[in-house]
Amino acid sequence: MHLKILKIRWIGAALALAAGLMSAAHAEPEQHEFVIPAFHTESGAVLPEARVVYGTYGKLSATGDNVVLLPSHYMADMHGYEWLIGPGKALDPNKLFLVMTELFGNGRSSSPSNSPEPFHGPRFPVMTIRDNVEAVHQMLTQQLHVTHLQAVIGFSMGAQQAFQWAVSYPDFMDRIAASSGTAKTYGHGIVRLESEITALTLDPAFKDGNYTEQPQKGIEAFGIVWTAWLYSQEWWRRELWRQDDPPGKSLAAVIEQYRKNFIPGADANNLILQMRTWEAHDVGTTPPFNGDTQAALRSIKARVLYMPSATDLYFPVADARYEAAFIRRCDLQIIPSLWGHPAGAGASPADLKFLNDHIARLMRTR
């Protein structure tokens, strides 16, 4: 899988359009926006308006029983699940109504970069995964009049949302699929995220988030720290990056590509906001579980397909095994991949087949 294509899957349509590599297998999703007045966040802040950008494929059936929710991953937009959608893939938009939502902080939904004072920039409140789930629940029920989902399917931070949906609204969906993501962010994951935040904010141009120009050196440092965790050690040893174009590209050129061009056009405060959302996630802090993550996992009623990557350094497979033991109807399927975290988004042809085959099987399961 070429690195350019991998980055398309990682951050969504922006790079796809820039590289001219958008899949032609199906039409573009329809873009929509849902506005929530006086949105109360878990932090206690009240946003005068919270905006949720989302896209849809297909048509809602007359009975409203063909809906699948695909919540976005880190800094992605509504194109982040192209690898699952289309005729012959796990999710056929000719049969299903697919709803792809964008996380707060991605720069399109309400974010530090696009919110007016008093919530602009570093003053934007930390949004939790539950804040995102609550906003989308309002969107589904109030704007689309959807009262039940066939499935919630998510990669990475999308997987975090899938688990939260199953805990917050246990009867709202029949099944969830979670790839490369856990129901709680554990200590080592928080340390990793803090290292990336530190790398970004040490740039003097950051100015405590009150910058007038993007802190480019800090963003580059963030990108290179992030990249160190992105793939497995064996991926680097085998030099699988050589599959990228042009042939013969050097390791130094690959590193420079990630340093300079990991998330083009990103806003530093947006990057940090979504990392804080990631750090804070724990289904156990959902009322009424009072921090008991095991009890929250036991409460899940939906059928769960849990697909960690065997070589993920962000969400280690051991964490997935630990959580799966507490979920009543859980099918733990480990992705046998060297592609680390992005294996959960189809980083190689084998990963794509694994994910599509297992999710298609899940969708057929009653």
Foldseek 3Di string as FASTA:
>chain_A
DAPLVLLCLVQHDPSCVVVVNDDPQDDDFAKDKDKDAQQQAPVRDTARIWIKIKTKAADQDPVNAQEEEEEDAALHGHRNQVLQEHPPFLHDNPRHIYMYIYDELSVPTPHLPPGDPPQHWPNPDQHALVSVLVVVVCCCCPVVVHQAHQEQEYAAVSLLNRLLCLLVPQGRYQEYEYELYDVAQDDVLLVLLVVLLVLLCVQPQCVSGPHPDASLRSQLSSQLSVVVQQFFPVCVVVVVNCVHPPHPDDPVNVSVCSSRPSPPPHHSSSNSSVSSNRNPGASCVPPPNPNPRLVSQLSGDHAYEYEYEPRARNCHVVNVVVSQVSHDRYDYDYQDDRGYRSLRSVPDVSSSCVVRVVSSVVSVDD
